[in-house]
Amino acid sequence: MAVYSLAEVLIIIILVVPGFISFFLINWIALIERKHTSFEITVWSLALSVVIYAIFSSFADIGNFDDLREKIFSASYIVPLMILAVAIGVFIGELFRCVGWRGVRKISGSCWDRAFEKVGKKGGYLIVYTRNGLEYKGELHYSGIGIGPRDLTLRNPKLIIRDKNLKVLDEIEMGREILFTEKDVQRVTFFEDIE
């Protein structure tokens, strides 16, 4: 069993860190919200580190691994290396965001939160489709956002009854206000005004 010195362990860590920095910047800037396994993070970080070191060694007078190992702890090498890692992460992240998500407005966070924040500012009306197949319409009064439960209430709600061809047969008033819990709501349609 091989025993590594502290210097060798630090060298290995420093060799992988630029790739980790770039990898996390790419995910943050490109709004990639997928959870990566530890294995995926390690592999992508190593691959990015190889690219970063290939670029860095071309202009930093590093010809082989021994040169890199001797000079890596020098601030004149490590600071530009980290700046290069950040620059590559930002460049690739922006490239993914601009090219990969073209035509898609990708936001950080929950669409539910963003939609209800907008409606909450201007006011608006909703049609709520429940998990048990019912349809209600009314004016949005309250909605939960963030880590809290995503409940909502409608003022002056009406139960919409439709025939098999989806034509409205009747609208039944359901009191002054009705609460829908997160478990009740299947989908929601937003309107500025509703008849």
Foldseek 3Di string as FASTA:
>chain_A
DDDDDPLVVVLVCLLQVLLLLLVVLLCVLLVPPDDDDPVVSSVSSNVLSVVLVVVLCVPVVDDDPVSCSVCVVPPVRSVVSNVSSNVNSNVNSVCCNPPVQPPHDDDHDDPLQVVVVVCVVLWWKKWFQWPVGWIKIATWDDADDDPDWGKTKGAQMWTFDADPVRHTDDTHTDDGMDIDTNNTTDDMDIGRDDD
